[in-house]
């Protein structure tokens, strides 16, 4: 675990591959979308892995970010969990 900025953490973690990546950024700042773009550039999600992005209900989350596509989402009160996997 790293106590650092997400950009630094992604860089440090880029030598590994992950099954599940959970992103819970501060809301309404588009940090989660940027983090997924950076993860896509580093290609650290395993073939059958998933990314879970937690956002507020009023935040826009595109259906596709970099190498990944949204395949499901769940709403829990004011929070939405968007699930992404590799395209195709």
PDB file of N, CA and C in Angstrom:
ATOM      1  N   UNK A   1       0.840  -1.173   0.000  1.00  0.00           N
ATOM      2  CA  UNK A   1       0.000   0.000   0.000  1.00  0.00           C
ATOM      3  C   UNK A   1       0.886   1.237   0.000  1.00  0.00           C
ATOM      4  N   UNK A   2       0.456   2.231  -0.777  1.00  0.00           N
ATOM      5  CA  UNK A   2       1.199   3.477  -0.861  1.00  0.00           C
ATOM      6  C   UNK A   2       0.333   4.630  -0.357  1.00  0.00           C
ATOM      7  N   UNK A   3       0.917   5.496   0.419  1.00  0.00           N
ATOM      8  CA  UNK A   3       0.254   6.716   0.854  1.00  0.00           C
ATOM      9  C   UNK A   3       0.795   7.843  -0.012  1.00  0.00           C
ATOM     10  N   UNK A   4       0.229   7.966  -1.228  1.00  0.00           N
ATOM     11  CA  UNK A   4       0.756   8.909  -2.211  1.00  0.00           C
ATOM     12  C   UNK A   4      -0.334   9.289  -3.201  1.00  0.00           C
ATOM     13  N   UNK A   5      -0.036  10.196  -4.068  1.00  0.00           N
ATOM     14  CA  UNK A   5      -0.931  10.616  -5.136  1.00  0.00           C
ATOM     15  C   UNK A   5      -1.205   9.431  -6.069  1.00  0.00           C
ATOM     16  N   UNK A   6      -2.409   9.382  -6.620  1.00  0.00           N
ATOM     17  CA  UNK A   6      -2.774   8.259  -7.482  1.00  0.00           C
ATOM     18  C   UNK A   6      -1.860   8.119  -8.697  1.00  0.00           C
ATOM     19  N   UNK A   7      -1.370   9.221  -9.222  1.00  0.00           N
ATOM     20  CA  UNK A   7      -0.484   9.155 -10.392  1.00  0.00           C
ATOM     21  C   UNK A   7       0.821   8.444 -10.040  1.00  0.00           C
ATOM     22  N   UNK A   8       1.350   8.761  -8.871  1.00  0.00           N
ATOM     23  CA  UNK A   8       2.584   8.116  -8.405  1.00  0.00           C
ATOM     24  C   UNK A   8       2.316   6.645  -8.101  1.00  0.00           C
ATOM     25  N   UNK A   9       1.182   6.358  -7.471  1.00  0.00           N
ATOM     26  CA  UNK A   9       0.844   4.975  -7.121  1.00  0.00           C
ATOM     27  C   UNK A   9       0.713   4.111  -8.374  1.00  0.00           C
ATOM     28  N   UNK A  10       0.033   4.618  -9.395  1.00  0.00           N
ATOM     29  CA  UNK A  10      -0.108   3.854 -10.635  1.00  0.00           C
ATOM     30  C   UNK A  10       1.249   3.580 -11.254  1.00  0.00           C
ATOM     31  N   UNK A  11       2.107   4.565 -11.235  1.00  0.00           N
ATOM     32  CA  UNK A  11       3.456   4.382 -11.777  1.00  0.00           C
ATOM     33  C   UNK A  11       4.210   3.295 -11.008  1.00  0.00           C
ATOM     34  N   UNK A  12       4.128   3.344  -9.658  1.00  0.00           N
ATOM     35  CA  UNK A  12       4.828   2.354  -8.836  1.00  0.00           C
ATOM     36  C   UNK A  12       4.255   0.951  -9.017  1.00  0.00           C
ATOM     37  N   UNK A  13       2.946   0.865  -9.233  1.00  0.00           N
ATOM     38  CA  UNK A  13       2.291  -0.430  -9.362  1.00  0.00           C
ATOM     39  C   UNK A  13       2.351  -1.001 -10.772  1.00  0.00           C
ATOM     40  N   UNK A  14       2.889  -0.254 -11.702  1.00  0.00           N
ATOM     41  CA  UNK A  14       2.828  -0.645 -13.107  1.00  0.00           C
ATOM     42  C   UNK A  14       3.663  -1.874 -13.465  1.00  0.00           C
ATOM     43  N   UNK A  15       4.460  -2.356 -12.551  1.00  0.00           N
ATOM     44  CA  UNK A  15       5.239  -3.568 -12.817  1.00  0.00           C
ATOM     45  C   UNK A  15       4.461  -4.830 -12.470  1.00  0.00           C
ATOM     46  N   UNK A  16       3.228  -4.673 -11.972  1.00  0.00           N
ATOM     47  CA  UNK A  16       2.399  -5.794 -11.545  1.00  0.00           C
ATOM     48  C   UNK A  16       1.163  -5.899 -12.430  1.00  0.00           C
ATOM     49  N   UNK A  17       0.463  -7.025 -12.326  1.00  0.00           N
ATOM     50  CA  UNK A  17      -0.815  -7.221 -12.999  1.00  0.00           C
ATOM     51  C   UNK A  17      -1.859  -7.492 -11.924  1.00  0.00           C
ATOM     52  N   UNK A  18      -3.083  -6.983 -12.144  1.00  0.00           N
ATOM     53  CA  UNK A  18      -4.120  -7.074 -11.120  1.00  0.00           C
ATOM     54  C   UNK A  18      -5.407  -7.676 -11.671  1.00  0.00           C
ATOM     55  N   UNK A  19      -6.100  -8.432 -10.799  1.00  0.00           N
ATOM     56  CA  UNK A  19      -7.403  -9.006 -11.130  1.00  0.00           C
ATOM     57  C   UNK A  19      -8.513  -7.983 -10.915  1.00  0.00           C
ATOM     58  N   UNK A  20      -8.412  -7.232  -9.822  1.00  0.00           N
ATOM     59  CA  UNK A  20      -9.427  -6.248  -9.452  1.00  0.00           C
ATOM     60  C   UNK A  20      -8.724  -4.956  -9.059  1.00  0.00           C
ATOM     61  N   UNK A  21      -9.201  -3.862  -9.618  1.00  0.00           N
ATOM     62  CA  UNK A  21      -8.703  -2.541  -9.240  1.00  0.00           C
ATOM     63  C   UNK A  21      -9.913  -1.726  -8.807  1.00  0.00           C
ATOM     64  N   UNK A  22      -9.893  -1.247  -7.574  1.00  0.00           N
ATOM     65  CA  UNK A  22     -11.001  -0.460  -7.029  1.00  0.00           C
ATOM     66  C   UNK A  22     -10.549   0.993  -6.914  1.00  0.00           C
ATOM     67  N   UNK A  23     -11.313   1.888  -7.521  1.00  0.00           N
ATOM     68  CA  UNK A  23     -10.972   3.307  -7.517  1.00  0.00           C
ATOM     69  C   UNK A  23     -12.082   4.066  -6.799  1.00  0.00           C
ATOM     70  N   UNK A  24     -11.734   4.736  -5.707  1.00  0.00           N
ATOM     71  CA  UNK A  24     -12.695   5.520  -4.921  1.00  0.00           C
ATOM     72  C   UNK A  24     -12.116   6.922  -4.710  1.00  0.00           C
ATOM     73  N   UNK A  25     -12.149   7.744  -5.767  1.00  0.00           N
ATOM     74  CA  UNK A  25     -11.533   9.071  -5.686  1.00  0.00           C
ATOM     75  C   UNK A  25     -12.466  10.095  -5.054  1.00  0.00           C
ATOM     76  N   UNK A  26     -11.947  11.290  -4.754  1.00  0.00           N
ATOM     77  CA  UNK A  26     -12.843  12.381  -4.355  1.00  0.00           C
ATOM     78  C   UNK A  26     -13.857  12.609  -5.478  1.00  0.00           C
ATOM     79  N   UNK A  27     -15.093  12.835  -5.103  1.00  0.00           N
ATOM     80  CA  UNK A  27     -16.153  12.977  -6.102  1.00  0.00           C
ATOM     81  C   UNK A  27     -16.073  14.302  -6.850  1.00  0.00           C
ATOM     82  N   UNK A  28     -16.626  14.279  -8.063  1.00  0.00           N
ATOM     83  CA  UNK A  28     -16.823  15.456  -8.909  1.00  0.00           C
ATOM     84  C   UNK A  28     -15.530  16.159  -9.318  1.00  0.00           C
ATOM     85  N   UNK A  29     -14.449  15.411  -9.462  1.00  0.00           N
ATOM     86  CA  UNK A  29     -13.182  16.002  -9.893  1.00  0.00           C
ATOM     87  C   UNK A  29     -12.582  15.287 -11.096  1.00  0.00           C
ATOM     88  N   UNK A  30     -13.290  14.289 -11.640  1.00  0.00           N
ATOM     89  CA  UNK A  30     -12.865  13.507 -12.801  1.00  0.00           C
ATOM     90  C   UNK A  30     -11.534  12.782 -12.586  1.00  0.00           C
ATOM     91  N   UNK A  31     -11.160  12.586 -11.351  1.00  0.00           N
ATOM     92  CA  UNK A  31      -9.924  11.867 -11.039  1.00  0.00           C
ATOM     93  C   UNK A  31     -10.048  10.393 -11.416  1.00  0.00           C
ATOM     94  N   UNK A  32     -11.206   9.803 -11.185  1.00  0.00           N
ATOM     95  CA  UNK A  32     -11.395   8.394 -11.498  1.00  0.00           C
ATOM     96  C   UNK A  32     -11.227   8.101 -12.978  1.00  0.00           C
ATOM     97  N   UNK A  33     -11.774   8.962 -13.811  1.00  0.00           N
ATOM     98  CA  UNK A  33     -11.642   8.786 -15.254  1.00  0.00           C
ATOM     99  C   UNK A  33     -10.180   8.918 -15.670  1.00  0.00           C
ATOM    100  N   UNK A  34      -9.498   9.905 -15.112  1.00  0.00           N
ATOM    101  CA  UNK A  34      -8.069  10.061 -15.409  1.00  0.00           C
ATOM    102  C   UNK A  34      -7.280   8.839 -14.941  1.00  0.00           C
ATOM    103  N   UNK A  35      -7.620   8.311 -13.769  1.00  0.00           N
ATOM    104  CA  UNK A  35      -6.925   7.123 -13.253  1.00  0.00           C
ATOM    105  C   UNK A  35      -7.109   5.936 -14.196  1.00  0.00           C
ATOM    106  N   UNK A  36      -8.312   5.759 -14.728  1.00  0.00           N
ATOM    107  CA  UNK A  36      -8.546   4.645 -15.653  1.00  0.00           C
ATOM    108  C   UNK A  36      -7.756   4.849 -16.943  1.00  0.00           C
ATOM    109  N   UNK A  37      -7.682   6.085 -17.425  1.00  0.00           N
ATOM    110  CA  UNK A  37      -6.842   6.355 -18.605  1.00  0.00           C
ATOM    111  C   UNK A  37      -5.395   5.959 -18.324  1.00  0.00           C
ATOM    112  N   UNK A  38      -4.894   6.326 -17.167  1.00  0.00           N
ATOM    113  CA  UNK A  38      -3.507   6.000 -16.807  1.00  0.00           C
ATOM    114  C   UNK A  38      -3.315   4.491 -16.661  1.00  0.00           C
ATOM    115  N   UNK A  39      -4.286   3.795 -16.077  1.00  0.00           N
ATOM    116  CA  UNK A  39      -4.222   2.336 -15.971  1.00  0.00           C
ATOM    117  C   UNK A  39      -4.209   1.713 -17.365  1.00  0.00           C
ATOM    118  N   UNK A  40      -4.992   2.274 -18.268  1.00  0.00           N
ATOM    119  CA  UNK A  40      -5.025   1.779 -19.644  1.00  0.00           C
ATOM    120  C   UNK A  40      -3.663   1.934 -20.312  1.00  0.00           C
ATOM    121  N   UNK A  41      -3.034   3.074 -20.086  1.00  0.00           N
ATOM    122  CA  UNK A  41      -1.708   3.307 -20.670  1.00  0.00           C
ATOM    123  C   UNK A  41      -0.675   2.319 -20.135  1.00  0.00           C
ATOM    124  N   UNK A  42      -0.778   1.966 -18.857  1.00  0.00           N
ATOM    125  CA  UNK A  42       0.183   1.045 -18.226  1.00  0.00           C
ATOM    126  C   UNK A  42      -0.174  -0.418 -18.476  1.00  0.00           C
ATOM    127  N   UNK A  43      -1.439  -0.692 -18.830  1.00  0.00           N
ATOM    128  CA  UNK A  43      -1.906  -2.049 -19.123  1.00  0.00           C
ATOM    129  C   UNK A  43      -1.589  -3.015 -17.978  1.00  0.00           C
ATOM    130  N   UNK A  44      -2.086  -2.696 -16.786  1.00  0.00           N
ATOM    131  CA  UNK A  44      -1.787  -3.533 -15.618  1.00  0.00           C
ATOM    132  C   UNK A  44      -2.980  -4.364 -15.149  1.00  0.00           C
ATOM    133  N   UNK A  45      -4.091  -4.340 -15.905  1.00  0.00           N
ATOM    134  CA  UNK A  45      -5.240  -5.166 -15.568  1.00  0.00           C
ATOM    135  C   UNK A  45      -5.138  -6.481 -16.329  1.00  0.00           C
ATOM    136  N   UNK A  46      -5.294  -7.595 -15.619  1.00  0.00           N
ATOM    137  CA  UNK A  46      -5.250  -8.907 -16.270  1.00  0.00           C
ATOM    138  C   UNK A  46      -6.380  -9.033 -17.290  1.00  0.00           C
ATOM    139  N   UNK A  47      -6.234  -9.973 -18.213  1.00  0.00           N
ATOM    140  CA  UNK A  47      -7.203 -10.166 -19.307  1.00  0.00           C
ATOM    141  C   UNK A  47      -8.644 -10.239 -18.823  1.00  0.00           C
ATOM    142  N   UNK A  48      -8.879 -10.989 -17.754  1.00  0.00           N
ATOM    143  CA  UNK A  48     -10.241 -11.160 -17.250  1.00  0.00           C
ATOM    144  C   UNK A  48     -10.504 -10.324 -15.992  1.00  0.00           C
ATOM    145  N   UNK A  49      -9.670  -9.333 -15.752  1.00  0.00           N
ATOM    146  CA  UNK A  49      -9.815  -8.485 -14.574  1.00  0.00           C
ATOM    147  C   UNK A  49     -10.896  -7.434 -14.736  1.00  0.00           C
ATOM    148  N   UNK A  50     -11.231  -6.796 -13.620  1.00  0.00           N
ATOM    149  CA  UNK A  50     -12.224  -5.726 -13.652  1.00  0.00           C
ATOM    150  C   UNK A  50     -11.707  -4.505 -12.886  1.00  0.00           C
ATOM    151  N   UNK A  51     -12.197  -3.355 -13.303  1.00  0.00           N
ATOM    152  CA  UNK A  51     -11.963  -2.104 -12.597  1.00  0.00           C
ATOM    153  C   UNK A  51     -13.312  -1.655 -12.058  1.00  0.00           C
ATOM    154  N   UNK A  52     -13.336  -1.290 -10.796  1.00  0.00           N
ATOM    155  CA  UNK A  52     -14.548  -0.779 -10.168  1.00  0.00           C
ATOM    156  C   UNK A  52     -14.299   0.684  -9.835  1.00  0.00           C
ATOM    157  N   UNK A  53     -15.136   1.554 -10.385  1.00  0.00           N
ATOM    158  CA  UNK A  53     -15.015   2.986 -10.145  1.00  0.00           C
ATOM    159  C   UNK A  53     -16.215   3.460  -9.344  1.00  0.00           C
ATOM    160  N   UNK A  54     -15.968   4.031  -8.172  1.00  0.00           N
ATOM    161  CA  UNK A  54     -17.040   4.588  -7.352  1.00  0.00           C
ATOM    162  C   UNK A  54     -17.172   6.079  -7.628  1.00  0.00           C
ATOM    163  N   UNK A  55     -18.409   6.512  -7.915  1.00  0.00           N
ATOM    164  CA  UNK A  55     -18.679   7.925  -8.177  1.00  0.00           C
ATOM    165  C   UNK A  55     -19.989   8.342  -7.511  1.00  0.00           C
ATOM    166  N   UNK A  56     -20.208   9.634  -7.495  1.00  0.00           N
ATOM    167  CA  UNK A  56     -21.477  10.194  -7.061  1.00  0.00           C
ATOM    168  C   UNK A  56     -22.475  10.050  -8.216  1.00  0.00           C
ATOM    169  N   UNK A  57     -23.755  10.035  -7.923  1.00  0.00           N
ATOM    170  CA  UNK A  57     -24.762   9.831  -8.970  1.00  0.00           C
ATOM    171  C   UNK A  57     -24.783  10.947 -10.009  1.00  0.00           C
ATOM    172  N   UNK A  58     -24.311  12.129  -9.674  1.00  0.00           N
ATOM    173  CA  UNK A  58     -24.363  13.235 -10.637  1.00  0.00           C
ATOM    174  C   UNK A  58     -23.117  13.316 -11.521  1.00  0.00           C
ATOM    175  N   UNK A  59     -22.194  12.384 -11.383  1.00  0.00           N
ATOM    176  CA  UNK A  59     -20.980  12.382 -12.205  1.00  0.00           C
ATOM    177  C   UNK A  59     -21.207  11.588 -13.481  1.00  0.00           C
ATOM    178  N   UNK A  60     -20.680  12.111 -14.579  1.00  0.00           N
ATOM    179  CA  UNK A  60     -20.749  11.401 -15.856  1.00  0.00           C
ATOM    180  C   UNK A  60     -19.578  10.431 -15.953  1.00  0.00           C
ATOM    181  N   UNK A  61     -19.882   9.197 -16.279  1.00  0.00           N
ATOM    182  CA  UNK A  61     -18.852   8.180 -16.505  1.00  0.00           C
ATOM    183  C   UNK A  61     -19.078   7.625 -17.908  1.00  0.00           C
ATOM    184  N   UNK A  62     -18.117   7.813 -18.805  1.00  0.00           N
ATOM    185  CA  UNK A  62     -18.302   7.325 -20.183  1.00  0.00           C
ATOM    186  C   UNK A  62     -18.365   5.804 -20.249  1.00  0.00           C
ATOM    187  N   UNK A  63     -18.937   5.306 -21.329  1.00  0.00           N
ATOM    188  CA  UNK A  63     -19.050   3.859 -21.522  1.00  0.00           C
ATOM    189  C   UNK A  63     -17.724   3.219 -21.904  1.00  0.00           C
ATOM    190  N   UNK A  64     -16.780   4.016 -22.359  1.00  0.00           N
ATOM    191  CA  UNK A  64     -15.481   3.511 -22.779  1.00  0.00           C
ATOM    192  C   UNK A  64     -14.395   4.482 -22.331  1.00  0.00           C
ATOM    193  N   UNK A  65     -13.341   3.925 -21.714  1.00  0.00           N
ATOM    194  CA  UNK A  65     -12.187   4.724 -21.292  1.00  0.00           C
ATOM    195  C   UNK A  65     -10.936   3.936 -21.668  1.00  0.00           C
ATOM    196  N   UNK A  66     -10.168   4.465 -22.609  1.00  0.00           N
ATOM    197  CA  UNK A  66      -8.955   3.775 -23.035  1.00  0.00           C
ATOM    198  C   UNK A  66      -9.249   2.379 -23.529  1.00  0.00           C
ATOM    199  N   UNK A  67      -8.561   1.378 -22.967  1.00  0.00           N
ATOM    200  CA  UNK A  67      -8.730  -0.030 -23.354  1.00  0.00           C
ATOM    201  C   UNK A  67      -9.984  -0.670 -22.764  1.00  0.00           C
ATOM    202  N   UNK A  68     -10.699   0.055 -21.916  1.00  0.00           N
ATOM    203  CA  UNK A  68     -11.749  -0.553 -21.113  1.00  0.00           C
ATOM    204  C   UNK A  68     -13.141  -0.058 -21.482  1.00  0.00           C
ATOM    205  N   UNK A  69     -14.123  -0.953 -21.261  1.00  0.00           N
ATOM    206  CA  UNK A  69     -15.516  -0.606 -21.505  1.00  0.00           C
ATOM    207  C   UNK A  69     -16.333  -0.907 -20.261  1.00  0.00           C
ATOM    208  N   UNK A  70     -17.328  -0.063 -20.036  1.00  0.00           N
ATOM    209  CA  UNK A  70     -18.227  -0.289 -18.901  1.00  0.00           C
ATOM    210  C   UNK A  70     -19.192  -1.408 -19.283  1.00  0.00           C
ATOM    211  N   UNK A  71     -19.297  -2.417 -18.428  1.00  0.00           N
ATOM    212  CA  UNK A  71     -20.191  -3.529 -18.726  1.00  0.00           C
ATOM    213  C   UNK A  71     -21.326  -3.655 -17.731  1.00  0.00           C
ATOM    214  N   UNK A  72     -21.258  -2.878 -16.655  1.00  0.00           N
ATOM    215  CA  UNK A  72     -22.328  -2.935 -15.662  1.00  0.00           C
ATOM    216  C   UNK A  72     -22.152  -1.770 -14.702  1.00  0.00           C
ATOM    217  N   UNK A  73     -23.198  -1.465 -13.974  1.00  0.00           N
ATOM    218  CA  UNK A  73     -23.097  -0.496 -12.888  1.00  0.00           C
ATOM    219  C   UNK A  73     -24.160  -0.812 -11.851  1.00  0.00           C
ATOM    220  N   UNK A  74     -23.912  -0.417 -10.644  1.00  0.00           N
ATOM    221  CA  UNK A  74     -24.829  -0.624  -9.526  1.00  0.00           C
ATOM    222  C   UNK A  74     -24.967   0.684  -8.756  1.00  0.00           C
ATOM    223  N   UNK A  75     -26.169   1.015  -8.408  1.00  0.00           N
ATOM    224  CA  UNK A  75     -26.417   2.229  -7.628  1.00  0.00           C
ATOM    225  C   UNK A  75     -26.691   1.841  -6.179  1.00  0.00           C
ATOM    226  N   UNK A  76     -26.026   2.544  -5.264  1.00  0.00           N
ATOM    227  CA  UNK A  76     -26.198   2.344  -3.830  1.00  0.00           C
ATOM    228  C   UNK A  76     -26.415   3.713  -3.211  1.00  0.00           C
ATOM    229  N   UNK A  77     -27.667   4.123  -3.059  1.00  0.00           N
ATOM    230  CA  UNK A  77     -27.951   5.451  -2.522  1.00  0.00           C
ATOM    231  C   UNK A  77     -27.416   6.517  -3.458  1.00  0.00           C
ATOM    232  N   UNK A  78     -26.509   7.354  -2.966  1.00  0.00           N
ATOM    233  CA  UNK A  78     -25.913   8.418  -3.784  1.00  0.00           C
ATOM    234  C   UNK A  78     -24.641   7.975  -4.491  1.00  0.00           C
ATOM    235  N   UNK A  79     -24.297   6.714  -4.387  1.00  0.00           N
ATOM    236  CA  UNK A  79     -23.067   6.215  -5.011  1.00  0.00           C
ATOM    237  C   UNK A  79     -23.389   5.274  -6.162  1.00  0.00           C
ATOM    238  N   UNK A  80     -22.536   5.314  -7.171  1.00  0.00           N
ATOM    239  CA  UNK A  80     -22.630   4.375  -8.284  1.00  0.00           C
ATOM    240  C   UNK A  80     -21.291   3.665  -8.420  1.00  0.00           C
ATOM    241  N   UNK A  81     -21.351   2.353  -8.565  1.00  0.00           N
ATOM    242  CA  UNK A  81     -20.166   1.562  -8.867  1.00  0.00           C
ATOM    243  C   UNK A  81     -20.248   1.171 -10.332  1.00  0.00           C
ATOM    244  N   UNK A  82     -19.309   1.665 -11.135  1.00  0.00           N
ATOM    245  CA  UNK A  82     -19.238   1.326 -12.550  1.00  0.00           C
ATOM    246  C   UNK A  82     -18.168   0.271 -12.733  1.00  0.00           C
ATOM    247  N   UNK A  83     -18.520  -0.805 -13.432  1.00  0.00           N
ATOM    248  CA  UNK A  83     -17.592  -1.922 -13.637  1.00  0.00           C
ATOM    249  C   UNK A  83     -17.088  -1.905 -15.073  1.00  0.00           C
ATOM    250  N   UNK A  84     -15.758  -1.972 -15.203  1.00  0.00           N
ATOM    251  CA  UNK A  84     -15.093  -1.937 -16.495  1.00  0.00           C
ATOM    252  C   UNK A  84     -14.283  -3.203 -16.706  1.00  0.00           C
ATOM    253  N   UNK A  85     -14.162  -3.594 -17.972  1.00  0.00           N
ATOM    254  CA  UNK A  85     -13.303  -4.718 -18.373  1.00  0.00           C
ATOM    255  C   UNK A  85     -12.680  -4.350 -19.708  1.00  0.00           C
ATOM    256  N   UNK A  86     -11.742  -5.193 -20.139  1.00  0.00           N
ATOM    257  CA  UNK A  86     -11.108  -4.956 -21.433  1.00  0.00           C
ATOM    258  C   UNK A  86     -12.139  -4.987 -22.540  1.00  0.00           C
ATOM    259  N   UNK A  87     -11.946  -4.150 -23.542  1.00  0.00           N
ATOM    260  CA  UNK A  87     -12.842  -4.147 -24.692  1.00  0.00           C
ATOM    261  C   UNK A  87     -12.719  -5.462 -25.444  1.00  0.00           C
ATOM    262  N   UNK A  88     -13.845  -5.896 -26.002  1.00  0.00           N
ATOM    263  CA  UNK A  88     -13.835  -7.108 -26.825  1.00  0.00           C
ATOM    264  C   UNK A  88     -14.078  -8.257 -25.998  1.00  0.00           C
TER     265      UNK A  88
END
